[in-house]
Amino acid sequence: MYYTKYLFLLLIVFLVLGGCVSGPSKAPTAPLKIEKRDAETQEPSIENLVTLYQDALTELSKNNLKKAEKHFLTVTKKHPDFAGPWANLALIYIKQEHYKKAEEHIKKSLEKNPEMAQALNMAGLIEERKGNINKAKNYYEKAIEKKPDYTLAHYNLALLYDVYLQNIREAIKHYQQYLSLLDEEDEKTENWVEELTFNLTDGDT
């Protein structure tokens, strides 16, 4: 019931959370040594790639998918070991409903950084879309294991327990985790949890 309504919102929030970068060991950050631009090959420096990456995030947040895709692809060509750009490309392809391409790119992201919670969460979304509920559950659980305060993974896992697995107690637990981690109120989810709790009986799972 909530899945269709929240999917687009969750994907956008996913973008905002950390910009889909991997970790300090993978993502281009200010402390990295700035490489000089190679005048002969015109290779972009780390500094230029950071700017390009930020521009790509801006374009993606504006839903300018073609521009964002072009920027992220440039980053992956110059620094293919960064997990974040691959994850954001997967996000673009999900928004375009190109799920096979999304799956290919999220796999690349996880190859670069298997502990990237955002990528694990997106892998779960893709598996859920394919109807592989247990695989989706495993990915959401891994995302929470890597990042216990990851609101989106708690919400997606709650939704999975609620809609597909009919394990209402577990659904309530993760809905409550999600709500406790929010900076703002989500009144509709709060009301839904109250309804679930009210209707829960000792015989329910």
N, C-alpha and C. Protein backbone atom coordinates (compact mmCIF):
# COMPACT_ATOMS: atom_id res chain seq x y z
N MET A 1 0.82 -1.20 0.00
CA MET A 1 0.00 0.00 0.00
C MET A 1 0.85 1.25 0.00
N TYR A 2 1.94 1.24 0.74
CA TYR A 2 2.82 2.41 0.81
C TYR A 2 3.90 2.38 -0.26
N TYR A 3 4.15 1.20 -0.89
CA TYR A 3 5.35 1.04 -1.72
C TYR A 3 5.37 2.02 -2.89
N THR A 4 4.30 2.02 -3.67
CA THR A 4 4.27 2.90 -4.85
C THR A 4 4.38 4.35 -4.45
N LYS A 5 3.73 4.72 -3.39
CA LYS A 5 3.70 6.11 -2.95
C LYS A 5 5.05 6.61 -2.50
N TYR A 6 5.82 5.73 -1.86
CA TYR A 6 7.08 6.16 -1.24
C TYR A 6 8.32 5.87 -2.09
N LEU A 7 8.22 5.03 -3.12
CA LEU A 7 9.43 4.61 -3.83
C LEU A 7 10.20 5.79 -4.38
N PHE A 8 9.52 6.69 -5.08
CA PHE A 8 10.23 7.82 -5.68
C PHE A 8 10.86 8.68 -4.60
N LEU A 9 10.11 8.93 -3.52
CA LEU A 9 10.65 9.73 -2.41
C LEU A 9 11.88 9.08 -1.82
N LEU A 10 11.81 7.77 -1.61
CA LEU A 10 12.93 7.05 -1.00
C LEU A 10 14.17 7.11 -1.88
N LEU A 11 13.98 7.01 -3.18
CA LEU A 11 15.13 7.07 -4.08
C LEU A 11 15.78 8.44 -4.04
N ILE A 12 14.96 9.50 -3.98
CA ILE A 12 15.51 10.85 -3.92
C ILE A 12 16.25 11.06 -2.60
N VAL A 13 15.67 10.60 -1.50
CA VAL A 13 16.35 10.74 -0.22
C VAL A 13 17.64 9.96 -0.22
N PHE A 14 17.60 8.79 -0.88
CA PHE A 14 18.80 7.98 -1.01
C PHE A 14 19.93 8.79 -1.65
N LEU A 15 19.57 9.57 -2.65
CA LEU A 15 20.56 10.42 -3.32
C LEU A 15 21.14 11.42 -2.35
N VAL A 16 20.29 12.03 -1.54
CA VAL A 16 20.72 13.09 -0.63
C VAL A 16 21.64 12.54 0.46
N LEU A 17 21.35 11.36 0.95
CA LEU A 17 22.13 10.78 2.04
C LEU A 17 23.53 10.44 1.58
N GLY A 18 24.47 11.30 1.87
CA GLY A 18 25.86 11.02 1.58
C GLY A 18 26.20 11.11 0.11
N GLY A 19 25.27 11.50 -0.73
CA GLY A 19 25.55 11.64 -2.14
C GLY A 19 25.95 10.32 -2.80
N CYS A 20 25.60 9.20 -2.19
CA CYS A 20 25.91 7.89 -2.77
C CYS A 20 27.40 7.68 -2.93
N VAL A 21 28.21 8.24 -2.07
CA VAL A 21 29.64 7.97 -2.15
C VAL A 21 29.95 6.72 -1.35
N SER A 22 31.09 6.12 -1.60
CA SER A 22 31.43 4.90 -0.89
C SER A 22 31.92 5.24 0.50
N GLY A 23 33.20 5.11 0.75
CA GLY A 23 33.72 5.46 2.07
C GLY A 23 34.93 6.32 1.89
N PRO A 24 35.58 6.72 2.97
CA PRO A 24 36.77 7.57 2.86
C PRO A 24 37.86 6.96 2.01
N SER A 25 37.93 5.63 1.97
CA SER A 25 38.99 4.99 1.19
C SER A 25 38.68 4.96 -0.30
N LYS A 26 37.43 5.22 -0.67
CA LYS A 26 37.04 5.11 -2.08
C LYS A 26 36.66 6.45 -2.68
N ALA A 27 36.03 7.32 -1.92
CA ALA A 27 35.47 8.54 -2.48
C ALA A 27 36.52 9.63 -2.61
N PRO A 28 36.42 10.45 -3.68
CA PRO A 28 37.33 11.59 -3.79
C PRO A 28 36.99 12.63 -2.75
N THR A 29 37.91 12.98 -1.91
CA THR A 29 37.66 13.95 -0.86
C THR A 29 38.76 15.00 -0.86
N ALA A 30 38.54 16.09 -0.16
CA ALA A 30 39.47 17.21 -0.17
C ALA A 30 40.89 16.83 0.24
N PRO A 31 41.10 15.97 1.26
CA PRO A 31 42.47 15.66 1.67
C PRO A 31 43.31 14.94 0.62
N LEU A 32 42.67 14.39 -0.42
CA LEU A 32 43.45 13.70 -1.43
C LEU A 32 44.38 14.67 -2.15
N LYS A 33 45.55 14.15 -2.53
CA LYS A 33 46.50 14.95 -3.28
C LYS A 33 45.90 15.35 -4.62
N ILE A 34 45.96 16.63 -4.95
CA ILE A 34 45.44 17.12 -6.20
C ILE A 34 46.44 16.88 -7.32
N GLU A 35 46.03 16.12 -8.30
CA GLU A 35 46.92 15.83 -9.40
C GLU A 35 46.90 16.98 -10.41
N LYS A 36 48.06 17.27 -11.02
CA LYS A 36 48.12 18.30 -12.04
C LYS A 36 47.46 17.78 -13.32
N ARG A 37 46.81 18.69 -14.01
CA ARG A 37 46.17 18.31 -15.26
C ARG A 37 47.23 17.99 -16.31
N ASP A 38 47.05 16.87 -16.95
CA ASP A 38 47.99 16.46 -17.98
C ASP A 38 47.66 17.21 -19.27
N ALA A 39 48.53 18.13 -19.68
CA ALA A 39 48.24 19.00 -20.81
C ALA A 39 48.13 18.22 -22.11
N GLU A 40 48.82 17.08 -22.19
CA GLU A 40 48.83 16.33 -23.45
C GLU A 40 47.58 15.48 -23.60
N THR A 41 47.21 14.78 -22.54
CA THR A 41 46.07 13.88 -22.61
C THR A 41 44.78 14.53 -22.13
N GLN A 42 44.88 15.69 -21.50
CA GLN A 42 43.71 16.40 -20.98
C GLN A 42 42.95 15.55 -19.96
N GLU A 43 43.70 14.80 -19.15
CA GLU A 43 43.07 14.02 -18.09
C GLU A 43 42.63 14.96 -16.97
N PRO A 44 41.38 14.84 -16.49
CA PRO A 44 40.92 15.72 -15.42
C PRO A 44 41.60 15.37 -14.11
N SER A 45 41.87 16.36 -13.30
CA SER A 45 42.44 16.13 -11.99
C SER A 45 41.37 15.64 -11.03
N ILE A 46 41.82 15.18 -9.86
CA ILE A 46 40.87 14.77 -8.82
C ILE A 46 39.94 15.93 -8.49
N GLU A 47 40.50 17.13 -8.42
CA GLU A 47 39.69 18.30 -8.09
C GLU A 47 38.58 18.50 -9.12
N ASN A 48 38.92 18.35 -10.39
CA ASN A 48 37.92 18.51 -11.43
C ASN A 48 36.86 17.41 -11.39
N LEU A 49 37.30 16.20 -11.04
CA LEU A 49 36.35 15.10 -10.95
C LEU A 49 35.38 15.30 -9.79
N VAL A 50 35.88 15.86 -8.69
CA VAL A 50 34.99 16.16 -7.56
C VAL A 50 33.92 17.17 -8.00
N THR A 51 34.34 18.19 -8.73
CA THR A 51 33.39 19.18 -9.23
C THR A 51 32.39 18.54 -10.17
N LEU A 52 32.88 17.69 -11.07
CA LEU A 52 32.01 16.99 -12.01
C LEU A 52 31.02 16.10 -11.27
N TYR A 53 31.50 15.43 -10.22
CA TYR A 53 30.63 14.56 -9.43
C TYR A 53 29.53 15.36 -8.74
N GLN A 54 29.91 16.51 -8.19
CA GLN A 54 28.92 17.37 -7.54
C GLN A 54 27.91 17.90 -8.54
N ASP A 55 28.40 18.25 -9.74
CA ASP A 55 27.49 18.70 -10.79
C ASP A 55 26.51 17.59 -11.18
N ALA A 56 27.02 16.37 -11.23
CA ALA A 56 26.17 15.23 -11.57
C ALA A 56 25.08 15.03 -10.52
N LEU A 57 25.44 15.17 -9.24
CA LEU A 57 24.45 15.05 -8.17
C LEU A 57 23.39 16.13 -8.29
N THR A 58 23.83 17.34 -8.64
CA THR A 58 22.88 18.45 -8.80
C THR A 58 21.91 18.16 -9.94
N GLU A 59 22.45 17.69 -11.06
CA GLU A 59 21.59 17.38 -12.20
C GLU A 59 20.62 16.25 -11.86
N LEU A 60 21.09 15.26 -11.12
CA LEU A 60 20.22 14.15 -10.73
C LEU A 60 19.11 14.62 -9.80
N SER A 61 19.45 15.50 -8.88
CA SER A 61 18.43 16.03 -7.96
C SER A 61 17.38 16.85 -8.70
N LYS A 62 17.76 17.42 -9.84
CA LYS A 62 16.83 18.19 -10.67
C LYS A 62 16.11 17.29 -11.68
N ASN A 63 16.43 16.01 -11.64
CA ASN A 63 15.87 15.02 -12.56
C ASN A 63 16.33 15.23 -14.00
N ASN A 64 17.48 15.88 -14.18
CA ASN A 64 18.09 15.99 -15.51
C ASN A 64 18.95 14.75 -15.72
N LEU A 65 18.29 13.66 -16.06
CA LEU A 65 18.93 12.35 -16.03
C LEU A 65 20.02 12.17 -17.08
N LYS A 66 19.82 12.71 -18.27
CA LYS A 66 20.82 12.56 -19.32
C LYS A 66 22.14 13.25 -18.95
N LYS A 67 22.03 14.48 -18.44
CA LYS A 67 23.23 15.20 -18.04
C LYS A 67 23.92 14.51 -16.88
N ALA A 68 23.13 14.08 -15.91
CA ALA A 68 23.70 13.38 -14.75
C ALA A 68 24.40 12.09 -15.19
N GLU A 69 23.75 11.34 -16.07
CA GLU A 69 24.34 10.09 -16.55
C GLU A 69 25.68 10.36 -17.24
N LYS A 70 25.71 11.38 -18.08
CA LYS A 70 26.94 11.72 -18.80
C LYS A 70 28.08 12.03 -17.83
N HIS A 71 27.78 12.83 -16.79
CA HIS A 71 28.81 13.20 -15.81
C HIS A 71 29.30 11.99 -15.03
N PHE A 72 28.37 11.16 -14.55
CA PHE A 72 28.75 9.98 -13.78
C PHE A 72 29.57 9.00 -14.62
N LEU A 73 29.19 8.85 -15.89
CA LEU A 73 29.95 7.95 -16.77
C LEU A 73 31.38 8.44 -16.95
N THR A 74 31.54 9.76 -17.03
CA THR A 74 32.90 10.32 -17.15
C THR A 74 33.72 9.98 -15.91
N VAL A 75 33.11 10.10 -14.75
CA VAL A 75 33.82 9.79 -13.51
C VAL A 75 34.20 8.31 -13.46
N THR A 76 33.27 7.43 -13.87
CA THR A 76 33.57 6.00 -13.82
C THR A 76 34.69 5.63 -14.79
N LYS A 77 34.78 6.34 -15.90
CA LYS A 77 35.86 6.06 -16.86
C LYS A 77 37.22 6.47 -16.31
N LYS A 78 37.25 7.61 -15.61
CA LYS A 78 38.51 8.13 -15.09
C LYS A 78 38.91 7.45 -13.79
N HIS A 79 37.92 7.13 -12.95
CA HIS A 79 38.20 6.47 -11.66
C HIS A 79 37.17 5.37 -11.44
N PRO A 80 37.32 4.24 -12.12
CA PRO A 80 36.32 3.16 -12.04
C PRO A 80 36.22 2.50 -10.67
N ASP A 81 37.17 2.76 -9.76
CA ASP A 81 37.14 2.11 -8.45
C ASP A 81 36.26 2.83 -7.44
N PHE A 82 35.72 3.99 -7.79
CA PHE A 82 34.80 4.69 -6.90
C PHE A 82 33.42 4.04 -6.98
N ALA A 83 32.87 3.65 -5.84
CA ALA A 83 31.58 2.96 -5.83
C ALA A 83 30.41 3.90 -6.06
N GLY A 84 30.50 5.13 -5.58
CA GLY A 84 29.38 6.06 -5.64
C GLY A 84 28.82 6.33 -7.02
N PRO A 85 29.66 6.64 -8.01
CA PRO A 85 29.12 6.91 -9.34
C PRO A 85 28.35 5.73 -9.93
N TRP A 86 28.84 4.51 -9.70
CA TRP A 86 28.12 3.34 -10.21
C TRP A 86 26.74 3.24 -9.56
N ALA A 87 26.66 3.52 -8.26
CA ALA A 87 25.37 3.46 -7.55
C ALA A 87 24.42 4.53 -8.08
N ASN A 88 24.94 5.72 -8.33
CA ASN A 88 24.07 6.78 -8.84
C ASN A 88 23.61 6.49 -10.27
N LEU A 89 24.45 5.85 -11.06
CA LEU A 89 24.01 5.43 -12.39
C LEU A 89 22.88 4.41 -12.28
N ALA A 90 23.00 3.52 -11.31
CA ALA A 90 21.91 2.55 -11.08
C ALA A 90 20.62 3.28 -10.72
N LEU A 91 20.75 4.32 -9.90
CA LEU A 91 19.57 5.11 -9.52
C LEU A 91 18.93 5.75 -10.74
N ILE A 92 19.75 6.29 -11.63
CA ILE A 92 19.23 6.89 -12.86
C ILE A 92 18.46 5.86 -13.68
N TYR A 93 19.01 4.65 -13.79
CA TYR A 93 18.37 3.63 -14.62
C TYR A 93 17.09 3.11 -13.96
N ILE A 94 17.04 3.11 -12.64
CA ILE A 94 15.79 2.76 -11.96
C ILE A 94 14.72 3.79 -12.27
N LYS A 95 15.09 5.06 -12.21
CA LYS A 95 14.14 6.13 -12.49
C LYS A 95 13.65 6.06 -13.94
N GLN A 96 14.50 5.54 -14.83
CA GLN A 96 14.10 5.37 -16.23
C GLN A 96 13.44 4.01 -16.49
N GLU A 97 13.32 3.21 -15.43
CA GLU A 97 12.74 1.87 -15.49
C GLU A 97 13.57 0.93 -16.37
N HIS A 98 14.87 1.17 -16.42
CA HIS A 98 15.80 0.26 -17.08
C HIS A 98 16.43 -0.62 -16.01
N TYR A 99 15.67 -1.59 -15.55
CA TYR A 99 16.06 -2.33 -14.35
C TYR A 99 17.24 -3.26 -14.58
N LYS A 100 17.38 -3.79 -15.78
CA LYS A 100 18.53 -4.66 -16.05
C LYS A 100 19.83 -3.86 -15.97
N LYS A 101 19.84 -2.66 -16.56
CA LYS A 101 21.03 -1.82 -16.48
C LYS A 101 21.27 -1.38 -15.04
N ALA A 102 20.20 -1.11 -14.32
CA ALA A 102 20.34 -0.72 -12.91
C ALA A 102 21.01 -1.82 -12.12
N GLU A 103 20.59 -3.04 -12.36
CA GLU A 103 21.17 -4.19 -11.64
C GLU A 103 22.65 -4.35 -11.98
N GLU A 104 22.99 -4.19 -13.24
CA GLU A 104 24.40 -4.31 -13.66
C GLU A 104 25.27 -3.29 -12.95
N HIS A 105 24.77 -2.06 -12.82
CA HIS A 105 25.58 -1.00 -12.23
C HIS A 105 25.64 -1.08 -10.71
N ILE A 106 24.57 -1.56 -10.09
CA ILE A 106 24.62 -1.69 -8.63
C ILE A 106 25.56 -2.84 -8.26
N LYS A 107 25.66 -3.85 -9.10
CA LYS A 107 26.62 -4.93 -8.86
C LYS A 107 28.05 -4.39 -8.94
N LYS A 108 28.30 -3.50 -9.90
CA LYS A 108 29.62 -2.90 -10.01
C LYS A 108 29.93 -2.07 -8.78
N SER A 109 28.94 -1.34 -8.30
CA SER A 109 29.14 -0.54 -7.10
C SER A 109 29.53 -1.40 -5.91
N LEU A 110 28.84 -2.53 -5.75
CA LEU A 110 29.12 -3.41 -4.62
C LEU A 110 30.44 -4.16 -4.80
N GLU A 111 30.86 -4.36 -6.04
CA GLU A 111 32.19 -4.93 -6.26
C GLU A 111 33.27 -3.98 -5.76
N LYS A 112 33.05 -2.68 -5.94
CA LYS A 112 34.03 -1.68 -5.52
C LYS A 112 33.99 -1.49 -4.00
N ASN A 113 32.79 -1.56 -3.43
CA ASN A 113 32.65 -1.37 -1.99
C ASN A 113 31.48 -2.21 -1.47
N PRO A 114 31.74 -3.46 -1.05
CA PRO A 114 30.67 -4.36 -0.59
C PRO A 114 29.97 -3.88 0.67
N GLU A 115 30.54 -2.90 1.36
CA GLU A 115 29.96 -2.42 2.61
C GLU A 115 29.17 -1.13 2.45
N MET A 116 28.93 -0.71 1.25
CA MET A 116 28.21 0.54 1.00
C MET A 116 26.72 0.33 1.24
N ALA A 117 26.23 0.88 2.34
CA ALA A 117 24.84 0.64 2.76
C ALA A 117 23.84 1.11 1.71
N GLN A 118 24.10 2.26 1.10
CA GLN A 118 23.17 2.79 0.11
C GLN A 118 23.04 1.84 -1.08
N ALA A 119 24.17 1.27 -1.52
CA ALA A 119 24.14 0.33 -2.64
C ALA A 119 23.44 -0.96 -2.26
N LEU A 120 23.66 -1.43 -1.04
CA LEU A 120 22.97 -2.63 -0.56
C LEU A 120 21.47 -2.41 -0.52
N ASN A 121 21.06 -1.23 -0.06
CA ASN A 121 19.64 -0.91 -0.02
C ASN A 121 19.04 -0.89 -1.43
N MET A 122 19.76 -0.29 -2.38
CA MET A 122 19.27 -0.25 -3.74
C MET A 122 19.21 -1.63 -4.37
N ALA A 123 20.19 -2.46 -4.05
CA ALA A 123 20.16 -3.85 -4.53
C ALA A 123 18.91 -4.55 -4.02
N GLY A 124 18.54 -4.24 -2.78
CA GLY A 124 17.31 -4.79 -2.22
C GLY A 124 16.08 -4.33 -2.99
N LEU A 125 16.05 -3.03 -3.33
CA LEU A 125 14.93 -2.50 -4.11
C LEU A 125 14.80 -3.21 -5.45
N ILE A 126 15.94 -3.47 -6.09
CA ILE A 126 15.92 -4.14 -7.39
C ILE A 126 15.42 -5.58 -7.26
N GLU A 127 15.91 -6.28 -6.24
CA GLU A 127 15.45 -7.66 -6.03
C GLU A 127 13.96 -7.70 -5.68
N GLU A 128 13.51 -6.72 -4.91
CA GLU A 128 12.09 -6.66 -4.58
C GLU A 128 11.27 -6.44 -5.84
N ARG A 129 11.76 -5.58 -6.71
CA ARG A 129 11.08 -5.31 -7.97
C ARG A 129 10.98 -6.59 -8.81
N LYS A 130 11.99 -7.43 -8.74
CA LYS A 130 12.01 -8.68 -9.50
C LYS A 130 11.17 -9.77 -8.83
N GLY A 131 10.70 -9.51 -7.62
CA GLY A 131 9.91 -10.49 -6.90
C GLY A 131 10.72 -11.44 -6.05
N ASN A 132 12.02 -11.16 -5.92
CA ASN A 132 12.89 -12.00 -5.09
C ASN A 132 12.90 -11.46 -3.66
N ILE A 133 11.85 -11.78 -2.92
CA ILE A 133 11.61 -11.15 -1.63
C ILE A 133 12.68 -11.51 -0.60
N ASN A 134 13.08 -12.77 -0.55
CA ASN A 134 14.09 -13.17 0.43
C ASN A 134 15.45 -12.53 0.14
N LYS A 135 15.80 -12.42 -1.15
CA LYS A 135 17.05 -11.74 -1.51
C LYS A 135 16.98 -10.27 -1.12
N ALA A 136 15.83 -9.66 -1.38
CA ALA A 136 15.65 -8.25 -1.00
C ALA A 136 15.81 -8.08 0.50
N LYS A 137 15.20 -8.98 1.26
CA LYS A 137 15.30 -8.94 2.72
C LYS A 137 16.75 -9.03 3.17
N ASN A 138 17.51 -9.92 2.56
CA ASN A 138 18.92 -10.07 2.93
C ASN A 138 19.72 -8.80 2.65
N TYR A 139 19.45 -8.17 1.53
CA TYR A 139 20.16 -6.93 1.20
C TYR A 139 19.80 -5.81 2.19
N TYR A 140 18.52 -5.68 2.53
CA TYR A 140 18.12 -4.65 3.49
C TYR A 140 18.77 -4.90 4.85
N GLU A 141 18.81 -6.16 5.25
CA GLU A 141 19.42 -6.50 6.54
C GLU A 141 20.92 -6.20 6.53
N LYS A 142 21.59 -6.46 5.39
CA LYS A 142 23.01 -6.15 5.28
C LYS A 142 23.24 -4.64 5.34
N ALA A 143 22.34 -3.90 4.71
CA ALA A 143 22.46 -2.44 4.74
C ALA A 143 22.36 -1.92 6.17
N ILE A 144 21.44 -2.48 6.94
CA ILE A 144 21.27 -2.08 8.34
C ILE A 144 22.46 -2.53 9.18
N GLU A 145 23.00 -3.69 8.86
CA GLU A 145 24.18 -4.17 9.58
C GLU A 145 25.36 -3.22 9.38
N LYS A 146 25.53 -2.73 8.16
CA LYS A 146 26.62 -1.81 7.87
C LYS A 146 26.35 -0.41 8.39
N LYS A 147 25.08 -0.03 8.42
CA LYS A 147 24.70 1.33 8.85
C LYS A 147 23.42 1.24 9.67
N PRO A 148 23.52 0.97 10.97
CA PRO A 148 22.34 0.71 11.80
C PRO A 148 21.32 1.86 11.83
N ASP A 149 21.77 3.08 11.56
CA ASP A 149 20.85 4.22 11.60
C ASP A 149 20.35 4.60 10.20
N TYR A 150 20.41 3.68 9.26
CA TYR A 150 20.00 3.95 7.89
C TYR A 150 18.48 3.86 7.79
N THR A 151 17.84 5.01 7.76
CA THR A 151 16.38 5.08 7.82
C THR A 151 15.70 4.34 6.67
N LEU A 152 16.22 4.52 5.46
CA LEU A 152 15.56 3.94 4.29
C LEU A 152 15.56 2.42 4.32
N ALA A 153 16.66 1.84 4.77
CA ALA A 153 16.72 0.38 4.84
C ALA A 153 15.73 -0.15 5.88
N HIS A 154 15.60 0.56 7.01
CA HIS A 154 14.60 0.16 8.02
C HIS A 154 13.20 0.25 7.44
N TYR A 155 12.93 1.31 6.70
CA TYR A 155 11.59 1.48 6.13
C TYR A 155 11.31 0.39 5.10
N ASN A 156 12.28 0.14 4.21
CA ASN A 156 12.08 -0.87 3.17
C ASN A 156 11.90 -2.26 3.76
N LEU A 157 12.65 -2.55 4.83
CA LEU A 157 12.52 -3.85 5.48
C LEU A 157 11.16 -3.95 6.18
N ALA A 158 10.72 -2.87 6.81
CA ALA A 158 9.40 -2.85 7.43
C ALA A 158 8.31 -3.12 6.39
N LEU A 159 8.44 -2.46 5.24
CA LEU A 159 7.46 -2.63 4.17
C LEU A 159 7.44 -4.06 3.66
N LEU A 160 8.62 -4.66 3.59
CA LEU A 160 8.72 -6.04 3.13
C LEU A 160 8.01 -6.99 4.10
N TYR A 161 8.29 -6.81 5.39
CA TYR A 161 7.62 -7.63 6.40
C TYR A 161 6.11 -7.39 6.39
N ASP A 162 5.71 -6.16 6.18
CA ASP A 162 4.30 -5.78 6.21
C ASP A 162 3.53 -6.35 5.02
N VAL A 163 4.01 -6.05 3.82
CA VAL A 163 3.26 -6.35 2.60
C VAL A 163 3.46 -7.79 2.13
N TYR A 164 4.69 -8.27 2.14
CA TYR A 164 4.99 -9.55 1.52
C TYR A 164 5.08 -10.71 2.51
N LEU A 165 5.76 -10.49 3.62
CA LEU A 165 6.01 -11.60 4.55
C LEU A 165 4.95 -11.72 5.64
N GLN A 166 4.11 -10.70 5.77
CA GLN A 166 3.01 -10.71 6.73
C GLN A 166 3.50 -11.00 8.16
N ASN A 167 4.67 -10.49 8.47
CA ASN A 167 5.22 -10.58 9.83
C ASN A 167 5.06 -9.20 10.45
N ILE A 168 3.91 -9.00 11.06
CA ILE A 168 3.53 -7.66 11.50
C ILE A 168 4.40 -7.16 12.65
N ARG A 169 4.77 -8.05 13.53
CA ARG A 169 5.61 -7.62 14.67
C ARG A 169 6.96 -7.08 14.16
N GLU A 170 7.57 -7.80 13.24
CA GLU A 170 8.84 -7.32 12.69
C GLU A 170 8.64 -6.04 11.88
N ALA A 171 7.52 -5.95 11.18
CA ALA A 171 7.23 -4.74 10.43
C ALA A 171 7.14 -3.54 11.37
N ILE A 172 6.41 -3.70 12.45
CA ILE A 172 6.25 -2.60 13.42
C ILE A 172 7.60 -2.20 13.98
N LYS A 173 8.44 -3.18 14.29
CA LYS A 173 9.76 -2.89 14.86
C LYS A 173 10.58 -2.00 13.94
N HIS A 174 10.57 -2.33 12.67
CA HIS A 174 11.39 -1.54 11.73
C HIS A 174 10.72 -0.23 11.34
N TYR A 175 9.40 -0.20 11.32
CA TYR A 175 8.72 1.09 11.13
C TYR A 175 9.11 2.04 12.27
N GLN A 176 9.09 1.51 13.49
CA GLN A 176 9.43 2.34 14.65
C GLN A 176 10.88 2.81 14.61
N GLN A 177 11.78 1.94 14.17
CA GLN A 177 13.18 2.33 14.00
C GLN A 177 13.28 3.47 12.99
N TYR A 178 12.59 3.31 11.89
CA TYR A 178 12.56 4.34 10.85
C TYR A 178 12.07 5.67 11.41
N LEU A 179 10.96 5.63 12.13
CA LEU A 179 10.38 6.86 12.67
C LEU A 179 11.29 7.51 13.70
N SER A 180 11.96 6.69 14.50
CA SER A 180 12.83 7.24 15.55
C SER A 180 14.07 7.93 14.98
N LEU A 181 14.43 7.60 13.76
CA LEU A 181 15.63 8.16 13.15
C LEU A 181 15.35 9.38 12.28
N LEU A 182 14.09 9.68 12.04
CA LEU A 182 13.73 10.80 11.19
C LEU A 182 13.97 12.14 11.87
N ASP A 183 14.35 13.12 11.09
CA ASP A 183 14.47 14.49 11.60
C ASP A 183 13.12 15.19 11.61
N GLU A 184 12.22 14.74 10.75
CA GLU A 184 10.88 15.30 10.67
C GLU A 184 9.85 14.21 10.92
N GLU A 185 8.64 14.62 11.23
CA GLU A 185 7.58 13.66 11.48
C GLU A 185 7.07 13.08 10.16
N ASP A 186 6.69 11.82 10.21
CA ASP A 186 6.01 11.16 9.09
C ASP A 186 4.66 10.70 9.64
N GLU A 187 3.71 11.59 9.59
CA GLU A 187 2.43 11.36 10.25
C GLU A 187 1.69 10.15 9.67
N LYS A 188 1.78 9.98 8.36
CA LYS A 188 1.05 8.87 7.73
C LYS A 188 1.60 7.52 8.18
N THR A 189 2.94 7.43 8.27
CA THR A 189 3.51 6.17 8.74
C THR A 189 3.23 5.97 10.21
N GLU A 190 3.27 7.04 10.99
CA GLU A 190 2.94 6.94 12.42
C GLU A 190 1.52 6.40 12.59
N ASN A 191 0.59 6.93 11.81
CA ASN A 191 -0.80 6.48 11.90
C ASN A 191 -0.93 5.02 11.47
N TRP A 192 -0.17 4.64 10.45
CA TRP A 192 -0.22 3.27 9.97
C TRP A 192 0.32 2.31 11.03
N VAL A 193 1.39 2.69 11.72
CA VAL A 193 1.96 1.85 12.78
C VAL A 193 0.97 1.72 13.93
N GLU A 194 0.30 2.80 14.26
CA GLU A 194 -0.72 2.75 15.32
C GLU A 194 -1.83 1.78 14.94
N GLU A 195 -2.24 1.82 13.69
CA GLU A 195 -3.29 0.91 13.23
C GLU A 195 -2.83 -0.54 13.27
N LEU A 196 -1.60 -0.78 12.83
CA LEU A 196 -1.04 -2.14 12.87
C LEU A 196 -0.97 -2.64 14.31
N THR A 197 -0.49 -1.77 15.19
CA THR A 197 -0.35 -2.16 16.60
C THR A 197 -1.70 -2.44 17.24
N PHE A 198 -2.69 -1.62 16.91
CA PHE A 198 -4.02 -1.78 17.48
C PHE A 198 -4.65 -3.10 17.05
N ASN A 199 -4.42 -3.46 15.79
CA ASN A 199 -5.02 -4.68 15.24
C ASN A 199 -4.21 -5.94 15.55
N LEU A 200 -3.01 -5.75 16.10
CA LEU A 200 -2.18 -6.89 16.40
C LEU A 200 -2.73 -7.67 17.58
N THR A 201 -2.81 -9.00 17.45
CA THR A 201 -3.27 -9.85 18.55
C THR A 201 -2.15 -10.80 18.92
N ASP A 202 -2.32 -11.44 20.05
CA ASP A 202 -1.29 -12.36 20.52
C ASP A 202 -1.03 -13.49 19.54
N GLY A 203 -2.01 -13.80 18.72
CA GLY A 203 -1.83 -14.91 17.78
C GLY A 203 -1.13 -14.49 16.50
N ASP A 204 -0.95 -13.19 16.30
CA ASP A 204 -0.31 -12.73 15.08
C ASP A 204 1.19 -12.93 15.14
N THR A 205 1.81 -12.98 13.96
CA THR A 205 3.26 -13.13 13.90
C THR A 205 3.92 -11.82 14.24
